Amino acid sequence: MAQKKNKTSYKSLISNLEKIIKDLESNKVSIDKSIDLYQKGMSLVVQCEKKLSNVEKNTNFKNTSKKSLPKQFDIESKLKEVEELIEKIRDDSIDIEETEKLFMSTYEKITYIENYLNKINIKIKKYE
């Protein structure tokens, strides 16, 4: 019986809970039946809380691998850095070697941002 409870969907648990609430609110059940329904309802609430807790644990970014995502990533500051590098590249007074270095630095930052966003996207799709 315990295995069946684990396989019960959250939607099914909520549906059963709503039916119990409706029955209790109808005032058409005896006191004994009301107590029984209340106990079943509380059991469903506990099961729902466990399922939600598991979902929270699985979707919490704190649980992600430290290698997969940086601890803190301020995308706005990274994009600002890219904009500043692009402005420097546009400066006609710098020589070709400096332009090449700036270009490579810009490319690396953009690639880093892109990889970060791809990893986040993969993690999000995992839970959709």
N, C-alpha and C. Protein backbone atom coordinates (compact mmCIF):
# COMPACT_ATOMS: atom_id res chain seq x y z
N MET A 1 0.82 -1.20 0.00
CA MET A 1 0.00 0.00 0.00
C MET A 1 0.86 1.26 0.00
N ALA A 2 2.01 1.22 0.68
CA ALA A 2 2.90 2.39 0.74
C ALA A 2 3.44 2.73 -0.64
N GLN A 3 3.70 1.70 -1.45
CA GLN A 3 4.20 1.96 -2.79
C GLN A 3 3.15 2.68 -3.63
N LYS A 4 1.90 2.32 -3.45
CA LYS A 4 0.83 2.96 -4.21
C LYS A 4 0.74 4.44 -3.86
N LYS A 5 0.93 4.78 -2.59
CA LYS A 5 0.89 6.18 -2.17
C LYS A 5 2.01 6.97 -2.82
N ASN A 6 3.19 6.39 -2.95
CA ASN A 6 4.31 7.08 -3.56
C ASN A 6 4.08 7.34 -5.04
N LYS A 7 3.32 6.44 -5.68
CA LYS A 7 3.07 6.58 -7.12
C LYS A 7 1.89 7.50 -7.41
N THR A 8 1.11 7.85 -6.39
CA THR A 8 -0.03 8.72 -6.58
C THR A 8 0.44 10.10 -6.99
N SER A 9 -0.18 10.66 -8.02
CA SER A 9 0.24 11.97 -8.51
C SER A 9 -0.25 13.06 -7.56
N TYR A 10 0.43 14.17 -7.61
CA TYR A 10 0.06 15.31 -6.78
C TYR A 10 -1.35 15.77 -7.15
N LYS A 11 -1.64 15.78 -8.43
CA LYS A 11 -2.96 16.20 -8.89
C LYS A 11 -4.05 15.29 -8.32
N SER A 12 -3.78 13.99 -8.29
CA SER A 12 -4.72 13.03 -7.74
C SER A 12 -4.92 13.26 -6.24
N LEU A 13 -3.82 13.51 -5.53
CA LEU A 13 -3.91 13.78 -4.09
C LEU A 13 -4.77 15.01 -3.83
N ILE A 14 -4.55 16.06 -4.59
CA ILE A 14 -5.32 17.30 -4.42
C ILE A 14 -6.79 17.06 -4.75
N SER A 15 -7.03 16.31 -5.80
CA SER A 15 -8.41 16.00 -6.19
C SER A 15 -9.14 15.25 -5.07
N ASN A 16 -8.47 14.25 -4.49
CA ASN A 16 -9.06 13.50 -3.37
C ASN A 16 -9.28 14.41 -2.17
N LEU A 17 -8.35 15.27 -1.90
CA LEU A 17 -8.47 16.20 -0.78
C LEU A 17 -9.64 17.15 -0.99
N GLU A 18 -9.80 17.65 -2.20
CA GLU A 18 -10.91 18.55 -2.51
C GLU A 18 -12.26 17.85 -2.32
N LYS A 19 -12.32 16.56 -2.70
CA LYS A 19 -13.56 15.79 -2.52
C LYS A 19 -13.88 15.65 -1.03
N ILE A 20 -12.87 15.36 -0.23
CA ILE A 20 -13.07 15.22 1.21
C ILE A 20 -13.55 16.55 1.81
N ILE A 21 -12.94 17.63 1.41
CA ILE A 21 -13.35 18.96 1.91
C ILE A 21 -14.79 19.24 1.53
N LYS A 22 -15.15 18.93 0.29
CA LYS A 22 -16.52 19.14 -0.17
C LYS A 22 -17.50 18.32 0.68
N ASP A 23 -17.14 17.05 0.93
CA ASP A 23 -18.01 16.19 1.75
C ASP A 23 -18.14 16.74 3.17
N LEU A 24 -17.03 17.21 3.74
CA LEU A 24 -17.08 17.76 5.10
C LEU A 24 -17.90 19.04 5.16
N GLU A 25 -17.78 19.86 4.14
CA GLU A 25 -18.51 21.13 4.11
C GLU A 25 -20.00 20.94 3.85
N SER A 26 -20.38 19.81 3.29
CA SER A 26 -21.79 19.57 2.95
C SER A 26 -22.66 19.37 4.19
N ASN A 27 -22.05 19.03 5.33
CA ASN A 27 -22.78 18.77 6.56
C ASN A 27 -23.79 17.61 6.42
N LYS A 28 -23.57 16.74 5.45
CA LYS A 28 -24.47 15.60 5.24
C LYS A 28 -23.88 14.30 5.74
N VAL A 29 -22.72 14.37 6.39
CA VAL A 29 -22.07 13.15 6.89
C VAL A 29 -22.15 13.13 8.41
N SER A 30 -22.16 11.94 8.97
CA SER A 30 -22.23 11.78 10.42
C SER A 30 -20.93 12.25 11.07
N ILE A 31 -20.95 12.40 12.36
CA ILE A 31 -19.76 12.80 13.12
C ILE A 31 -18.64 11.77 12.92
N ASP A 32 -19.00 10.49 13.03
CA ASP A 32 -17.99 9.43 12.86
C ASP A 32 -17.38 9.49 11.46
N LYS A 33 -18.23 9.67 10.45
CA LYS A 33 -17.74 9.75 9.07
C LYS A 33 -16.88 11.02 8.90
N SER A 34 -17.28 12.12 9.54
CA SER A 34 -16.51 13.36 9.47
C SER A 34 -15.11 13.17 10.05
N ILE A 35 -15.02 12.47 11.17
CA ILE A 35 -13.72 12.21 11.80
C ILE A 35 -12.86 11.36 10.87
N ASP A 36 -13.47 10.34 10.27
CA ASP A 36 -12.75 9.48 9.33
C ASP A 36 -12.26 10.28 8.12
N LEU A 37 -13.14 11.11 7.58
CA LEU A 37 -12.75 11.95 6.43
C LEU A 37 -11.64 12.93 6.81
N TYR A 38 -11.74 13.49 8.00
CA TYR A 38 -10.70 14.41 8.47
C TYR A 38 -9.34 13.72 8.54
N GLN A 39 -9.32 12.52 9.10
CA GLN A 39 -8.07 11.76 9.21
C GLN A 39 -7.50 11.43 7.83
N LYS A 40 -8.37 11.02 6.91
CA LYS A 40 -7.91 10.74 5.53
C LYS A 40 -7.38 12.01 4.88
N GLY A 41 -8.08 13.11 5.12
CA GLY A 41 -7.65 14.39 4.56
C GLY A 41 -6.29 14.82 5.07
N MET A 42 -6.07 14.65 6.37
CA MET A 42 -4.77 15.01 6.95
C MET A 42 -3.66 14.13 6.39
N SER A 43 -3.98 12.85 6.16
CA SER A 43 -3.00 11.96 5.55
C SER A 43 -2.65 12.44 4.14
N LEU A 44 -3.65 12.89 3.39
CA LEU A 44 -3.40 13.43 2.05
C LEU A 44 -2.56 14.70 2.11
N VAL A 45 -2.82 15.54 3.09
CA VAL A 45 -2.05 16.78 3.25
C VAL A 45 -0.58 16.45 3.48
N VAL A 46 -0.32 15.46 4.34
CA VAL A 46 1.07 15.04 4.62
C VAL A 46 1.74 14.55 3.33
N GLN A 47 1.01 13.74 2.55
CA GLN A 47 1.57 13.23 1.30
C GLN A 47 1.86 14.37 0.33
N CYS A 48 0.95 15.35 0.25
CA CYS A 48 1.16 16.51 -0.64
C CYS A 48 2.40 17.29 -0.20
N GLU A 49 2.53 17.50 1.09
CA GLU A 49 3.69 18.23 1.60
C GLU A 49 4.99 17.51 1.28
N LYS A 50 4.98 16.18 1.37
CA LYS A 50 6.18 15.41 1.03
C LYS A 50 6.53 15.56 -0.44
N LYS A 51 5.51 15.49 -1.30
CA LYS A 51 5.76 15.64 -2.73
C LYS A 51 6.30 17.03 -3.04
N LEU A 52 5.71 18.05 -2.43
CA LEU A 52 6.19 19.42 -2.66
C LEU A 52 7.61 19.59 -2.15
N SER A 53 7.89 19.01 -1.00
CA SER A 53 9.24 19.09 -0.44
C SER A 53 10.25 18.45 -1.39
N ASN A 54 9.90 17.30 -1.96
CA ASN A 54 10.79 16.64 -2.92
C ASN A 54 11.02 17.49 -4.16
N VAL A 55 9.96 18.12 -4.64
CA VAL A 55 10.09 18.99 -5.81
C VAL A 55 11.01 20.16 -5.49
N GLU A 56 10.83 20.76 -4.32
CA GLU A 56 11.67 21.89 -3.93
C GLU A 56 13.13 21.47 -3.84
N LYS A 57 13.38 20.30 -3.28
CA LYS A 57 14.76 19.81 -3.17
C LYS A 57 15.37 19.59 -4.55
N ASN A 58 14.58 19.05 -5.48
CA ASN A 58 15.09 18.73 -6.81
C ASN A 58 15.27 19.97 -7.68
N THR A 59 14.53 21.03 -7.41
CA THR A 59 14.63 22.21 -8.26
C THR A 59 15.45 23.32 -7.63
N ASN A 60 15.95 23.11 -6.44
CA ASN A 60 16.72 24.13 -5.75
C ASN A 60 18.12 24.23 -6.38
N PHE A 61 18.49 25.43 -6.81
CA PHE A 61 19.79 25.61 -7.45
C PHE A 61 20.95 25.40 -6.48
N LYS A 62 20.68 25.40 -5.19
CA LYS A 62 21.75 25.12 -4.24
C LYS A 62 22.23 23.68 -4.39
N ASN A 63 21.36 22.83 -4.94
CA ASN A 63 21.72 21.43 -5.11
C ASN A 63 22.49 21.18 -6.40
N THR A 64 22.65 22.18 -7.23
CA THR A 64 23.36 21.97 -8.49
C THR A 64 24.84 21.83 -8.23
N SER A 65 25.49 21.17 -9.11
CA SER A 65 26.93 20.96 -9.00
C SER A 65 27.65 22.29 -9.02
N LYS A 66 28.65 22.43 -8.16
CA LYS A 66 29.42 23.68 -8.12
C LYS A 66 30.20 23.89 -9.40
N LYS A 67 30.51 22.80 -10.08
CA LYS A 67 31.24 22.93 -11.34
C LYS A 67 30.33 23.44 -12.46
N SER A 68 29.04 23.14 -12.38
CA SER A 68 28.15 23.47 -13.47
C SER A 68 27.75 24.94 -13.50
N LEU A 69 27.69 25.60 -12.34
CA LEU A 69 27.31 27.01 -12.31
C LEU A 69 28.23 27.78 -11.37
N PRO A 70 28.56 29.00 -11.74
CA PRO A 70 29.35 29.81 -10.83
C PRO A 70 28.53 30.15 -9.59
N LYS A 71 29.20 30.45 -8.48
CA LYS A 71 28.49 30.78 -7.24
C LYS A 71 27.60 31.99 -7.45
N GLN A 72 28.18 33.05 -7.94
CA GLN A 72 27.41 34.24 -8.23
C GLN A 72 27.74 34.69 -9.64
N PHE A 73 26.72 35.05 -10.36
CA PHE A 73 26.93 35.49 -11.73
C PHE A 73 26.04 36.68 -11.98
N ASP A 74 26.65 37.83 -12.09
CA ASP A 74 25.91 39.05 -12.36
C ASP A 74 25.96 39.30 -13.86
N ILE A 75 24.91 38.87 -14.53
CA ILE A 75 24.89 38.95 -15.99
C ILE A 75 24.94 40.40 -16.47
N GLU A 76 24.32 41.29 -15.73
CA GLU A 76 24.34 42.70 -16.14
C GLU A 76 25.75 43.26 -16.15
N SER A 77 26.54 42.91 -15.14
CA SER A 77 27.91 43.44 -15.10
C SER A 77 28.74 42.81 -16.22
N LYS A 78 28.50 41.52 -16.51
CA LYS A 78 29.24 40.87 -17.60
C LYS A 78 28.88 41.51 -18.95
N LEU A 79 27.61 41.81 -19.15
CA LEU A 79 27.20 42.46 -20.39
C LEU A 79 27.77 43.88 -20.49
N LYS A 80 27.84 44.54 -19.36
CA LYS A 80 28.44 45.88 -19.32
C LYS A 80 29.93 45.80 -19.71
N GLU A 81 30.62 44.78 -19.22
CA GLU A 81 32.02 44.58 -19.58
C GLU A 81 32.16 44.37 -21.09
N VAL A 82 31.26 43.59 -21.65
CA VAL A 82 31.29 43.34 -23.10
C VAL A 82 31.08 44.65 -23.85
N GLU A 83 30.11 45.44 -23.41
CA GLU A 83 29.86 46.74 -24.07
C GLU A 83 31.09 47.64 -24.01
N GLU A 84 31.75 47.66 -22.87
CA GLU A 84 32.96 48.49 -22.72
C GLU A 84 34.08 48.01 -23.65
N LEU A 85 34.22 46.70 -23.76
CA LEU A 85 35.24 46.16 -24.67
C LEU A 85 34.92 46.51 -26.12
N ILE A 86 33.66 46.42 -26.48
CA ILE A 86 33.26 46.76 -27.85
C ILE A 86 33.55 48.23 -28.13
N GLU A 87 33.29 49.09 -27.17
CA GLU A 87 33.61 50.51 -27.34
C GLU A 87 35.11 50.72 -27.55
N LYS A 88 35.91 50.00 -26.81
CA LYS A 88 37.37 50.10 -26.97
C LYS A 88 37.79 49.63 -28.35
N ILE A 89 37.17 48.56 -28.83
CA ILE A 89 37.50 48.04 -30.16
C ILE A 89 37.18 49.07 -31.23
N ARG A 90 36.13 49.82 -31.04
CA ARG A 90 35.72 50.84 -32.01
C ARG A 90 36.66 52.05 -32.05
N ASP A 91 37.48 52.17 -31.05
CA ASP A 91 38.42 53.29 -30.97
C ASP A 91 39.47 53.14 -32.08
N ASP A 92 39.53 54.11 -32.96
CA ASP A 92 40.45 54.07 -34.10
C ASP A 92 41.91 54.29 -33.70
N SER A 93 42.14 54.76 -32.51
CA SER A 93 43.51 55.08 -32.12
C SER A 93 44.30 53.86 -31.61
N ILE A 94 43.66 52.73 -31.40
CA ILE A 94 44.40 51.55 -30.92
C ILE A 94 44.92 50.76 -32.10
N ASP A 95 46.04 50.09 -31.86
CA ASP A 95 46.66 49.32 -32.95
C ASP A 95 45.98 47.96 -33.12
N ILE A 96 46.37 47.26 -34.15
CA ILE A 96 45.73 45.99 -34.50
C ILE A 96 45.93 44.91 -33.44
N GLU A 97 47.11 44.88 -32.83
CA GLU A 97 47.36 43.87 -31.79
C GLU A 97 46.43 44.08 -30.58
N GLU A 98 46.29 45.33 -30.19
CA GLU A 98 45.40 45.64 -29.07
C GLU A 98 43.95 45.32 -29.45
N THR A 99 43.57 45.61 -30.66
CA THR A 99 42.22 45.30 -31.13
C THR A 99 41.98 43.80 -31.08
N GLU A 100 42.97 43.04 -31.50
CA GLU A 100 42.86 41.58 -31.47
C GLU A 100 42.69 41.07 -30.04
N LYS A 101 43.46 41.60 -29.11
CA LYS A 101 43.34 41.19 -27.70
C LYS A 101 41.95 41.52 -27.15
N LEU A 102 41.49 42.72 -27.47
CA LEU A 102 40.16 43.13 -27.00
C LEU A 102 39.07 42.25 -27.61
N PHE A 103 39.24 41.94 -28.89
CA PHE A 103 38.27 41.08 -29.56
C PHE A 103 38.22 39.70 -28.90
N MET A 104 39.38 39.12 -28.62
CA MET A 104 39.42 37.80 -28.00
C MET A 104 38.82 37.84 -26.59
N SER A 105 39.09 38.88 -25.86
CA SER A 105 38.53 39.02 -24.52
C SER A 105 37.00 39.14 -24.59
N THR A 106 36.52 39.91 -25.55
CA THR A 106 35.08 40.07 -25.76
C THR A 106 34.45 38.73 -26.11
N TYR A 107 35.09 38.03 -27.03
CA TYR A 107 34.60 36.72 -27.46
C TYR A 107 34.53 35.74 -26.28
N GLU A 108 35.54 35.73 -25.44
CA GLU A 108 35.57 34.84 -24.28
C GLU A 108 34.44 35.16 -23.30
N LYS A 109 34.21 36.45 -23.07
CA LYS A 109 33.14 36.84 -22.15
C LYS A 109 31.77 36.47 -22.71
N ILE A 110 31.58 36.69 -24.00
CA ILE A 110 30.30 36.34 -24.63
C ILE A 110 30.08 34.83 -24.59
N THR A 111 31.12 34.08 -24.84
CA THR A 111 31.03 32.62 -24.80
C THR A 111 30.71 32.15 -23.38
N TYR A 112 31.33 32.77 -22.41
CA TYR A 112 31.06 32.41 -21.02
C TYR A 112 29.59 32.67 -20.66
N ILE A 113 29.09 33.84 -21.05
CA ILE A 113 27.68 34.18 -20.81
C ILE A 113 26.77 33.18 -21.50
N GLU A 114 27.07 32.88 -22.74
CA GLU A 114 26.26 31.93 -23.51
C GLU A 114 26.24 30.55 -22.85
N ASN A 115 27.39 30.07 -22.43
CA ASN A 115 27.47 28.76 -21.76
C ASN A 115 26.68 28.76 -20.45
N TYR A 116 26.79 29.82 -19.71
CA TYR A 116 26.05 29.94 -18.45
C TYR A 116 24.55 29.87 -18.72
N LEU A 117 24.09 30.64 -19.68
CA LEU A 117 22.66 30.66 -20.00
C LEU A 117 22.19 29.31 -20.54
N ASN A 118 23.01 28.64 -21.30
CA ASN A 118 22.64 27.31 -21.78
C ASN A 118 22.50 26.32 -20.63
N LYS A 119 23.41 26.38 -19.66
CA LYS A 119 23.32 25.49 -18.50
C LYS A 119 22.06 25.76 -17.70
N ILE A 120 21.74 27.03 -17.52
CA ILE A 120 20.51 27.39 -16.81
C ILE A 120 19.30 26.88 -17.58
N ASN A 121 19.30 27.06 -18.88
CA ASN A 121 18.18 26.62 -19.71
C ASN A 121 17.99 25.11 -19.62
N ILE A 122 19.06 24.36 -19.64
CA ILE A 122 19.00 22.90 -19.52
C ILE A 122 18.39 22.53 -18.17
N LYS A 123 18.83 23.19 -17.11
CA LYS A 123 18.30 22.90 -15.78
C LYS A 123 16.81 23.22 -15.69
N ILE A 124 16.41 24.32 -16.31
CA ILE A 124 14.98 24.69 -16.29
C ILE A 124 14.16 23.69 -17.07
N LYS A 125 14.60 23.31 -18.26
CA LYS A 125 13.85 22.36 -19.08
C LYS A 125 13.71 21.01 -18.38
N LYS A 126 14.68 20.67 -17.57
CA LYS A 126 14.65 19.42 -16.83
C LYS A 126 13.41 19.32 -15.94
N TYR A 127 12.93 20.45 -15.46
CA TYR A 127 11.82 20.47 -14.52
C TYR A 127 10.52 20.96 -15.12
N GLU A 128 10.49 21.16 -16.43
CA GLU A 128 9.24 21.60 -17.07
C GLU A 128 8.32 20.44 -17.32
